[in-house]
Amino acid sequence: RMKGIERPGLIVTLPVIQNDQGFTMIDAGANADAKVENVIQ
């Protein structure tokens, strides 16, 4: 784990209707019981 990171998160890219760039979502399943500070990271 990298220094300063409490819990690594999975980031995934998904499509959107308007363009081909899509959007990203994090966390996509690494930590089900994430705390507030984890989500901020």
ModelCIF file with pLDDT and N, C-alpha, C, O atoms, coordinates in Angstrom:
data_MODEL
#
_entry.id   MODEL 
#
_entity.id                         1 
_entity.type                       polymer 
_entity.pdbx_number_of_molecules   1 
#
_entity_poly.entity_id                      1 
_entity_poly.type                           'polypeptide(L)' 
_entity_poly.nstd_linkage                   no 
_entity_poly.nstd_monomer                   no 
_entity_poly.pdbx_seq_one_letter_code       RMKGIERPGLIVTLPVIQNDQGFTMIDAGANADAKVENVIQ 
_entity_poly.pdbx_seq_one_letter_code_can   RMKGIERPGLIVTLPVIQNDQGFTMIDAGANADAKVENVIQ 
_entity_poly.pdbx_strand_id                 A 
#
loop_
_entity_poly_seq.entity_id 
_entity_poly_seq.num 
_entity_poly_seq.mon_id 
_entity_poly_seq.hetero 
1 1  ARG n 
1 2  MET n 
1 3  LYS n 
1 4  GLY n 
1 5  ILE n 
1 6  GLU n 
1 7  ARG n 
1 8  PRO n 
1 9  GLY n 
1 10 LEU n 
1 11 ILE n 
1 12 VAL n 
1 13 THR n 
1 14 LEU n 
1 15 PRO n 
1 16 VAL n 
1 17 ILE n 
1 18 GLN n 
1 19 ASN n 
1 20 ASP n 
1 21 GLN n 
1 22 GLY n 
1 23 PHE n 
1 24 THR n 
1 25 MET n 
1 26 ILE n 
1 27 ASP n 
1 28 ALA n 
1 29 GLY n 
1 30 ALA n 
1 31 ASN n 
1 32 ALA n 
1 33 ASP n 
1 34 ALA n 
1 35 LYS n 
1 36 VAL n 
1 37 GLU n 
1 38 ASN n 
1 39 VAL n 
1 40 ILE n 
1 41 GLN n 
#
_struct_asym.id          A 
_struct_asym.entity_id   1 
#
loop_
_ma_qa_metric.id 
_ma_qa_metric.mode 
_ma_qa_metric.name 
_ma_qa_metric.software_group_id 
_ma_qa_metric.type 
1 global pLDDT . pLDDT 
2 local  pLDDT . pLDDT 
#
_ma_qa_metric_global.metric_id      1 
_ma_qa_metric_global.metric_value   88.49 
_ma_qa_metric_global.model_id       1 
_ma_qa_metric_global.ordinal_id     1 
#
loop_
_ma_qa_metric_local.label_asym_id 
_ma_qa_metric_local.label_comp_id 
_ma_qa_metric_local.label_seq_id 
_ma_qa_metric_local.metric_id 
_ma_qa_metric_local.metric_value 
_ma_qa_metric_local.model_id 
_ma_qa_metric_local.ordinal_id 
A ARG 1  2 93.00 1 1  
A MET 2  2 91.00 1 2  
A LYS 3  2 87.00 1 3  
A GLY 4  2 86.00 1 4  
A ILE 5  2 91.00 1 5  
A GLU 6  2 89.00 1 6  
A ARG 7  2 90.00 1 7  
A PRO 8  2 93.00 1 8  
A GLY 9  2 93.00 1 9  
A LEU 10 2 94.00 1 10 
A ILE 11 2 95.00 1 11 
A VAL 12 2 92.00 1 12 
A THR 13 2 90.00 1 13 
A LEU 14 2 87.00 1 14 
A PRO 15 2 81.00 1 15 
A VAL 16 2 80.00 1 16 
A ILE 17 2 75.00 1 17 
A GLN 18 2 71.00 1 18 
A ASN 19 2 73.00 1 19 
A ASP 20 2 72.00 1 20 
A GLN 21 2 79.00 1 21 
A GLY 22 2 85.00 1 22 
A PHE 23 2 93.00 1 23 
A THR 24 2 94.00 1 24 
A MET 25 2 96.00 1 25 
A ILE 26 2 96.00 1 26 
A ASP 27 2 92.00 1 27 
A ALA 28 2 91.00 1 28 
A GLY 29 2 88.00 1 29 
A ALA 30 2 87.00 1 30 
A ASN 31 2 85.00 1 31 
A ALA 32 2 85.00 1 32 
A ASP 33 2 87.00 1 33 
A ALA 34 2 89.00 1 34 
A LYS 35 2 92.00 1 35 
A VAL 36 2 93.00 1 36 
A GLU 37 2 94.00 1 37 
A ASN 38 2 94.00 1 38 
A VAL 39 2 95.00 1 39 
A ILE 40 2 95.00 1 40 
A GLN 41 2 95.00 1 41 
#
loop_
_atom_site.group_PDB 
_atom_site.id 
_atom_site.type_symbol 
_atom_site.label_atom_id 
_atom_site.label_alt_id 
_atom_site.label_comp_id 
_atom_site.label_asym_id 
_atom_site.label_entity_id 
_atom_site.label_seq_id 
_atom_site.pdbx_PDB_ins_code 
_atom_site.Cartn_x 
_atom_site.Cartn_y 
_atom_site.Cartn_z 
_atom_site.occupancy 
_atom_site.B_iso_or_equiv 
_atom_site.pdbx_formal_charge 
_atom_site.auth_seq_id 
_atom_site.auth_comp_id 
_atom_site.auth_asym_id 
_atom_site.auth_atom_id 
_atom_site.pdbx_PDB_model_num 
ATOM 1   N N  . ARG A 1 1  ? 0.832   -1.196 0.000   1.00 93.00 ? 1  ARG A N  1 
ATOM 2   C CA . ARG A 1 1  ? 0.000   0.000  0.000   1.00 93.00 ? 1  ARG A CA 1 
ATOM 3   C C  . ARG A 1 1  ? 0.869   1.249  0.000   1.00 93.00 ? 1  ARG A C  1 
ATOM 4   O O  . ARG A 1 1  ? 1.906   1.290  0.662   1.00 93.00 ? 1  ARG A O  1 
ATOM 5   N N  . MET A 1 2  ? 0.451   2.255  -0.732  1.00 91.00 ? 2  MET A N  1 
ATOM 6   C CA . MET A 1 2  ? 1.180   3.516  -0.806  1.00 91.00 ? 2  MET A CA 1 
ATOM 7   C C  . MET A 1 2  ? 1.028   4.296  0.507   1.00 91.00 ? 2  MET A C  1 
ATOM 8   O O  . MET A 1 2  ? -0.033  4.284  1.130   1.00 91.00 ? 2  MET A O  1 
ATOM 9   N N  . LYS A 1 3  ? 2.085   4.960  0.903   1.00 87.00 ? 3  LYS A N  1 
ATOM 10  C CA . LYS A 1 3  ? 2.054   5.753  2.127   1.00 87.00 ? 3  LYS A CA 1 
ATOM 11  C C  . LYS A 1 3  ? 0.995   6.847  2.022   1.00 87.00 ? 3  LYS A C  1 
ATOM 12  O O  . LYS A 1 3  ? 0.925   7.574  1.031   1.00 87.00 ? 3  LYS A O  1 
ATOM 13  N N  . GLY A 1 4  ? 0.174   6.948  3.066   1.00 86.00 ? 4  GLY A N  1 
ATOM 14  C CA . GLY A 1 4  ? -0.858  7.973  3.081   1.00 86.00 ? 4  GLY A CA 1 
ATOM 15  C C  . GLY A 1 4  ? -2.216  7.476  2.641   1.00 86.00 ? 4  GLY A C  1 
ATOM 16  O O  . GLY A 1 4  ? -3.221  8.161  2.834   1.00 86.00 ? 4  GLY A O  1 
ATOM 17  N N  . ILE A 1 5  ? -2.262  6.269  2.040   1.00 91.00 ? 5  ILE A N  1 
ATOM 18  C CA . ILE A 1 5  ? -3.535  5.694  1.601   1.00 91.00 ? 5  ILE A CA 1 
ATOM 19  C C  . ILE A 1 5  ? -3.995  4.694  2.656   1.00 91.00 ? 5  ILE A C  1 
ATOM 20  O O  . ILE A 1 5  ? -3.297  3.724  2.951   1.00 91.00 ? 5  ILE A O  1 
ATOM 21  N N  . GLU A 1 6  ? -5.165  4.938  3.217   1.00 89.00 ? 6  GLU A N  1 
ATOM 22  C CA . GLU A 1 6  ? -5.667  4.028  4.257   1.00 89.00 ? 6  GLU A CA 1 
ATOM 23  C C  . GLU A 1 6  ? -6.222  2.750  3.644   1.00 89.00 ? 6  GLU A C  1 
ATOM 24  O O  . GLU A 1 6  ? -5.904  1.651  4.099   1.00 89.00 ? 6  GLU A O  1 
ATOM 25  N N  . ARG A 1 7  ? -7.057  2.892  2.605   1.00 90.00 ? 7  ARG A N  1 
ATOM 26  C CA . ARG A 1 7  ? -7.639  1.734  1.926   1.00 90.00 ? 7  ARG A CA 1 
ATOM 27  C C  . ARG A 1 7  ? -7.677  1.991  0.419   1.00 90.00 ? 7  ARG A C  1 
ATOM 28  O O  . ARG A 1 7  ? -8.363  2.910  -0.029  1.00 90.00 ? 7  ARG A O  1 
ATOM 29  N N  . PRO A 1 8  ? -6.958  1.204  -0.361  1.00 93.00 ? 8  PRO A N  1 
ATOM 30  C CA . PRO A 1 8  ? -7.029  1.356  -1.822  1.00 93.00 ? 8  PRO A CA 1 
ATOM 31  C C  . PRO A 1 8  ? -8.465  1.132  -2.316  1.00 93.00 ? 8  PRO A C  1 
ATOM 32  O O  . PRO A 1 8  ? -9.240  0.400  -1.701  1.00 93.00 ? 8  PRO A O  1 
ATOM 33  N N  . GLY A 1 9  ? -8.795  1.771  -3.428  1.00 93.00 ? 9  GLY A N  1 
ATOM 34  C CA . GLY A 1 9  ? -10.139 1.634  -3.994  1.00 93.00 ? 9  GLY A CA 1 
ATOM 35  C C  . GLY A 1 9  ? -10.090 1.249  -5.466  1.00 93.00 ? 9  GLY A C  1 
ATOM 36  O O  . GLY A 1 9  ? -9.146  1.591  -6.177  1.00 93.00 ? 9  GLY A O  1 
ATOM 37  N N  . LEU A 1 10 ? -11.113 0.537  -5.913  1.00 94.00 ? 10 LEU A N  1 
ATOM 38  C CA . LEU A 1 10 ? -11.222 0.144  -7.318  1.00 94.00 ? 10 LEU A CA 1 
ATOM 39  C C  . LEU A 1 10 ? -11.919 1.242  -8.114  1.00 94.00 ? 10 LEU A C  1 
ATOM 40  O O  . LEU A 1 10 ? -13.019 1.669  -7.766  1.00 94.00 ? 10 LEU A O  1 
ATOM 41  N N  . ILE A 1 11 ? -11.278 1.690  -9.171  1.00 95.00 ? 11 ILE A N  1 
ATOM 42  C CA . ILE A 1 11 ? -11.886 2.687  -10.043 1.00 95.00 ? 11 ILE A CA 1 
ATOM 43  C C  . ILE A 1 11 ? -12.165 2.050  -11.394 1.00 95.00 ? 11 ILE A C  1 
ATOM 44  O O  . ILE A 1 11 ? -11.303 1.379  -11.962 1.00 95.00 ? 11 ILE A O  1 
ATOM 45  N N  . VAL A 1 12 ? -13.363 2.259  -11.901 1.00 92.00 ? 12 VAL A N  1 
ATOM 46  C CA . VAL A 1 12 ? -13.777 1.660  -13.166 1.00 92.00 ? 12 VAL A CA 1 
ATOM 47  C C  . VAL A 1 12 ? -14.371 2.740  -14.061 1.00 92.00 ? 12 VAL A C  1 
ATOM 48  O O  . VAL A 1 12 ? -15.016 3.668  -13.573 1.00 92.00 ? 12 VAL A O  1 
ATOM 49  N N  . THR A 1 13 ? -14.157 2.624  -15.361 1.00 90.00 ? 13 THR A N  1 
ATOM 50  C CA . THR A 1 13 ? -14.718 3.559  -16.330 1.00 90.00 ? 13 THR A CA 1 
ATOM 51  C C  . THR A 1 13 ? -15.950 2.942  -16.968 1.00 90.00 ? 13 THR A C  1 
ATOM 52  O O  . THR A 1 13 ? -15.946 1.774  -17.358 1.00 90.00 ? 13 THR A O  1 
ATOM 53  N N  . LEU A 1 14 ? -17.013 3.748  -17.072 1.00 87.00 ? 14 LEU A N  1 
ATOM 54  C CA . LEU A 1 14 ? -18.285 3.282  -17.626 1.00 87.00 ? 14 LEU A CA 1 
ATOM 55  C C  . LEU A 1 14 ? -18.785 4.277  -18.677 1.00 87.00 ? 14 LEU A C  1 
ATOM 56  O O  . LEU A 1 14 ? -18.374 5.437  -18.675 1.00 87.00 ? 14 LEU A O  1 
ATOM 57  N N  . PRO A 1 15 ? -19.672 3.827  -19.577 1.00 81.00 ? 15 PRO A N  1 
ATOM 58  C CA . PRO A 1 15 ? -20.119 4.701  -20.663 1.00 81.00 ? 15 PRO A CA 1 
ATOM 59  C C  . PRO A 1 15 ? -21.166 5.719  -20.233 1.00 81.00 ? 15 PRO A C  1 
ATOM 60  O O  . PRO A 1 15 ? -21.848 5.540  -19.224 1.00 81.00 ? 15 PRO A O  1 
ATOM 61  N N  . VAL A 1 16 ? -21.282 6.791  -21.016 1.00 80.00 ? 16 VAL A N  1 
ATOM 62  C CA . VAL A 1 16 ? -22.403 7.724  -20.897 1.00 80.00 ? 16 VAL A CA 1 
ATOM 63  C C  . VAL A 1 16 ? -23.027 7.884  -22.279 1.00 80.00 ? 16 VAL A C  1 
ATOM 64  O O  . VAL A 1 16 ? -22.396 7.581  -23.291 1.00 80.00 ? 16 VAL A O  1 
ATOM 65  N N  . ILE A 1 17 ? -24.252 8.355  -22.315 1.00 75.00 ? 17 ILE A N  1 
ATOM 66  C CA . ILE A 1 17 ? -24.987 8.463  -23.568 1.00 75.00 ? 17 ILE A CA 1 
ATOM 67  C C  . ILE A 1 17 ? -24.423 9.563  -24.461 1.00 75.00 ? 17 ILE A C  1 
ATOM 68  O O  . ILE A 1 17 ? -24.383 9.409  -25.682 1.00 75.00 ? 17 ILE A O  1 
ATOM 69  N N  . GLN A 1 18 ? -23.986 10.677 -23.859 1.00 71.00 ? 18 GLN A N  1 
ATOM 70  C CA . GLN A 1 18 ? -23.671 11.878 -24.624 1.00 71.00 ? 18 GLN A CA 1 
ATOM 71  C C  . GLN A 1 18 ? -22.330 11.851 -25.350 1.00 71.00 ? 18 GLN A C  1 
ATOM 72  O O  . GLN A 1 18 ? -22.170 12.544 -26.354 1.00 71.00 ? 18 GLN A O  1 
ATOM 73  N N  . ASN A 1 19 ? -21.358 11.065 -24.867 1.00 73.00 ? 19 ASN A N  1 
ATOM 74  C CA . ASN A 1 19 ? -20.036 11.088 -25.489 1.00 73.00 ? 19 ASN A CA 1 
ATOM 75  C C  . ASN A 1 19 ? -19.358 9.727  -25.339 1.00 73.00 ? 19 ASN A C  1 
ATOM 76  O O  . ASN A 1 19 ? -19.914 8.807  -24.739 1.00 73.00 ? 19 ASN A O  1 
ATOM 77  N N  . ASP A 1 20 ? -18.165 9.613  -25.883 1.00 72.00 ? 20 ASP A N  1 
ATOM 78  C CA . ASP A 1 20 ? -17.425 8.347  -25.832 1.00 72.00 ? 20 ASP A CA 1 
ATOM 79  C C  . ASP A 1 20 ? -16.431 8.303  -24.677 1.00 72.00 ? 20 ASP A C  1 
ATOM 80  O O  . ASP A 1 20 ? -15.732 7.305  -24.502 1.00 72.00 ? 20 ASP A O  1 
ATOM 81  N N  . GLN A 1 21 ? -16.359 9.371  -23.891 1.00 79.00 ? 21 GLN A N  1 
ATOM 82  C CA . GLN A 1 21 ? -15.369 9.423  -22.819 1.00 79.00 ? 21 GLN A CA 1 
ATOM 83  C C  . GLN A 1 21 ? -15.812 8.660  -21.583 1.00 79.00 ? 21 GLN A C  1 
ATOM 84  O O  . GLN A 1 21 ? -14.989 8.061  -20.892 1.00 79.00 ? 21 GLN A O  1 
ATOM 85  N N  . GLY A 1 22 ? -17.117 8.679  -21.300 1.00 85.00 ? 22 GLY A N  1 
ATOM 86  C CA . GLY A 1 22 ? -17.619 7.972  -20.141 1.00 85.00 ? 22 GLY A CA 1 
ATOM 87  C C  . GLY A 1 22 ? -17.316 8.683  -18.828 1.00 85.00 ? 22 GLY A C  1 
ATOM 88  O O  . GLY A 1 22 ? -16.898 9.841  -18.814 1.00 85.00 ? 22 GLY A O  1 
ATOM 89  N N  . PHE A 1 23 ? -17.533 7.971  -17.726 1.00 93.00 ? 23 PHE A N  1 
ATOM 90  C CA . PHE A 1 23 ? -17.235 8.512  -16.400 1.00 93.00 ? 23 PHE A CA 1 
ATOM 91  C C  . PHE A 1 23 ? -16.561 7.420  -15.582 1.00 93.00 ? 23 PHE A C  1 
ATOM 92  O O  . PHE A 1 23 ? -16.595 6.249  -15.961 1.00 93.00 ? 23 PHE A O  1 
ATOM 93  N N  . THR A 1 24 ? -15.955 7.792  -14.473 1.00 94.00 ? 24 THR A N  1 
ATOM 94  C CA . THR A 1 24 ? -15.330 6.810  -13.593 1.00 94.00 ? 24 THR A CA 1 
ATOM 95  C C  . THR A 1 24 ? -16.083 6.723  -12.274 1.00 94.00 ? 24 THR A C  1 
ATOM 96  O O  . THR A 1 24 ? -16.715 7.681  -11.828 1.00 94.00 ? 24 THR A O  1 
ATOM 97  N N  . MET A 1 25 ? -15.996 5.541  -11.663 1.00 96.00 ? 25 MET A N  1 
ATOM 98  C CA . MET A 1 25 ? -16.621 5.331  -10.366 1.00 96.00 ? 25 MET A CA 1 
ATOM 99  C C  . MET A 1 25 ? -15.618 4.679  -9.426  1.00 96.00 ? 25 MET A C  1 
ATOM 100 O O  . MET A 1 25 ? -14.932 3.730  -9.805  1.00 96.00 ? 25 MET A O  1 
ATOM 101 N N  . ILE A 1 26 ? -15.534 5.186  -8.208  1.00 96.00 ? 26 ILE A N  1 
ATOM 102 C CA . ILE A 1 26 ? -14.652 4.669  -7.175  1.00 96.00 ? 26 ILE A CA 1 
ATOM 103 C C  . ILE A 1 26 ? -15.363 4.820  -5.831  1.00 96.00 ? 26 ILE A C  1 
ATOM 104 O O  . ILE A 1 26 ? -15.793 5.932  -5.524  1.00 96.00 ? 26 ILE A O  1 
ATOM 105 N N  . ASP A 1 27 ? -15.509 3.811  -5.036  1.00 92.00 ? 27 ASP A N  1 
ATOM 106 C CA . ASP A 1 27 ? -14.955 2.485  -5.086  1.00 92.00 ? 27 ASP A CA 1 
ATOM 107 C C  . ASP A 1 27 ? -15.964 1.549  -5.732  1.00 92.00 ? 27 ASP A C  1 
ATOM 108 O O  . ASP A 1 27 ? -17.158 1.614  -5.442  1.00 92.00 ? 27 ASP A O  1 
ATOM 109 N N  . ALA A 1 28 ? -15.474 0.674  -6.614  1.00 91.00 ? 28 ALA A N  1 
ATOM 110 C CA . ALA A 1 28 ? -16.352 -0.246 -7.332  1.00 91.00 ? 28 ALA A CA 1 
ATOM 111 C C  . ALA A 1 28 ? -16.417 -1.615 -6.683  1.00 91.00 ? 28 ALA A C  1 
ATOM 112 O O  . ALA A 1 28 ? -16.923 -2.561 -7.288  1.00 91.00 ? 28 ALA A O  1 
ATOM 113 N N  . GLY A 1 29 ? -15.911 -1.740 -5.452  1.00 88.00 ? 29 GLY A N  1 
ATOM 114 C CA . GLY A 1 29 ? -16.060 -3.014 -4.765  1.00 88.00 ? 29 GLY A CA 1 
ATOM 115 C C  . GLY A 1 29 ? -14.908 -3.469 -3.889  1.00 88.00 ? 29 GLY A C  1 
ATOM 116 O O  . GLY A 1 29 ? -14.935 -4.592 -3.387  1.00 88.00 ? 29 GLY A O  1 
ATOM 117 N N  . ALA A 1 30 ? -13.906 -2.643 -3.690  1.00 87.00 ? 30 ALA A N  1 
ATOM 118 C CA . ALA A 1 30 ? -12.762 -3.067 -2.873  1.00 87.00 ? 30 ALA A CA 1 
ATOM 119 C C  . ALA A 1 30 ? -13.088 -3.076 -1.393  1.00 87.00 ? 30 ALA A C  1 
ATOM 120 O O  . ALA A 1 30 ? -12.633 -3.960 -0.669  1.00 87.00 ? 30 ALA A O  1 
ATOM 121 N N  . ASN A 1 31 ? -13.884 -2.090 -0.918  1.00 85.00 ? 31 ASN A N  1 
ATOM 122 C CA . ASN A 1 31 ? -14.153 -1.957 0.517   1.00 85.00 ? 31 ASN A CA 1 
ATOM 123 C C  . ASN A 1 31 ? -15.638 -1.709 0.754   1.00 85.00 ? 31 ASN A C  1 
ATOM 124 O O  . ASN A 1 31 ? -16.127 -0.595 0.566   1.00 85.00 ? 31 ASN A O  1 
ATOM 125 N N  . ALA A 1 32 ? -16.340 -2.740 1.162   1.00 85.00 ? 32 ALA A N  1 
ATOM 126 C CA . ALA A 1 32 ? -17.779 -2.620 1.389   1.00 85.00 ? 32 ALA A CA 1 
ATOM 127 C C  . ALA A 1 32 ? -18.085 -1.763 2.620   1.00 85.00 ? 32 ALA A C  1 
ATOM 128 O O  . ALA A 1 32 ? -19.112 -1.086 2.664   1.00 85.00 ? 32 ALA A O  1 
ATOM 129 N N  . ASP A 1 33 ? -17.206 -1.792 3.609   1.00 87.00 ? 33 ASP A N  1 
ATOM 130 C CA . ASP A 1 33 ? -17.452 -1.072 4.863   1.00 87.00 ? 33 ASP A CA 1 
ATOM 131 C C  . ASP A 1 33 ? -16.589 0.185  4.961   1.00 87.00 ? 33 ASP A C  1 
ATOM 132 O O  . ASP A 1 33 ? -15.908 0.401  5.963   1.00 87.00 ? 33 ASP A O  1 
ATOM 133 N N  . ALA A 1 34 ? -16.622 0.997  3.930   1.00 89.00 ? 34 ALA A N  1 
ATOM 134 C CA . ALA A 1 34 ? -15.783 2.189  3.904   1.00 89.00 ? 34 ALA A CA 1 
ATOM 135 C C  . ALA A 1 34 ? -16.253 3.236  4.914   1.00 89.00 ? 34 ALA A C  1 
ATOM 136 O O  . ALA A 1 34 ? -17.450 3.410  5.142   1.00 89.00 ? 34 ALA A O  1 
ATOM 137 N N  . LYS A 1 35 ? -15.292 3.920  5.504   1.00 92.00 ? 35 LYS A N  1 
ATOM 138 C CA . LYS A 1 35 ? -15.573 5.029  6.412   1.00 92.00 ? 35 LYS A CA 1 
ATOM 139 C C  . LYS A 1 35 ? -15.611 6.328  5.623   1.00 92.00 ? 35 LYS A C  1 
ATOM 140 O O  . LYS A 1 35 ? -15.268 6.364  4.441   1.00 92.00 ? 35 LYS A O  1 
ATOM 141 N N  . VAL A 1 36 ? -16.028 7.378  6.283   1.00 93.00 ? 36 VAL A N  1 
ATOM 142 C CA . VAL A 1 36 ? -16.113 8.689  5.629   1.00 93.00 ? 36 VAL A CA 1 
ATOM 143 C C  . VAL A 1 36 ? -14.753 9.111  5.086   1.00 93.00 ? 36 VAL A C  1 
ATOM 144 O O  . VAL A 1 36 ? -14.653 9.588  3.955   1.00 93.00 ? 36 VAL A O  1 
ATOM 145 N N  . GLU A 1 37 ? -13.702 8.935  5.894   1.00 94.00 ? 37 GLU A N  1 
ATOM 146 C CA . GLU A 1 37 ? -12.358 9.354  5.458   1.00 94.00 ? 37 GLU A CA 1 
ATOM 147 C C  . GLU A 1 37 ? -11.870 8.550  4.251   1.00 94.00 ? 37 GLU A C  1 
ATOM 148 O O  . GLU A 1 37 ? -11.097 9.053  3.436   1.00 94.00 ? 37 GLU A O  1 
ATOM 149 N N  . ASN A 1 38 ? -12.332 7.281  4.140   1.00 94.00 ? 38 ASN A N  1 
ATOM 150 C CA . ASN A 1 38 ? -11.967 6.475  2.973   1.00 94.00 ? 38 ASN A CA 1 
ATOM 151 C C  . ASN A 1 38 ? -12.578 7.060  1.708   1.00 94.00 ? 38 ASN A C  1 
ATOM 152 O O  . ASN A 1 38 ? -11.912 7.154  0.677   1.00 94.00 ? 38 ASN A O  1 
ATOM 153 N N  . VAL A 1 39 ? -13.833 7.449  1.786   1.00 95.00 ? 39 VAL A N  1 
ATOM 154 C CA . VAL A 1 39 ? -14.525 8.011  0.627   1.00 95.00 ? 39 VAL A CA 1 
ATOM 155 C C  . VAL A 1 39 ? -13.900 9.348  0.213   1.00 95.00 ? 39 VAL A C  1 
ATOM 156 O O  . VAL A 1 39 ? -13.841 9.668  -0.974  1.00 95.00 ? 39 VAL A O  1 
ATOM 157 N N  . ILE A 1 40 ? -13.441 10.113 1.183   1.00 95.00 ? 40 ILE A N  1 
ATOM 158 C CA . ILE A 1 40 ? -12.757 11.371 0.863   1.00 95.00 ? 40 ILE A CA 1 
ATOM 159 C C  . ILE A 1 40 ? -11.478 11.075 0.078   1.00 95.00 ? 40 ILE A C  1 
ATOM 160 O O  . ILE A 1 40 ? -11.163 11.764 -0.892  1.00 95.00 ? 40 ILE A O  1 
ATOM 161 N N  . GLN A 1 41 ? -10.746 10.045 0.505   1.00 95.00 ? 41 GLN A N  1 
ATOM 162 C CA . GLN A 1 41 ? -9.549  9.656  -0.247  1.00 95.00 ? 41 GLN A CA 1 
ATOM 163 C C  . GLN A 1 41 ? -9.905  9.167  -1.637  1.00 95.00 ? 41 GLN A C  1 
ATOM 164 O O  . GLN A 1 41 ? -9.018  8.798  -2.408  1.00 95.00 ? 41 GLN A O  1 
#
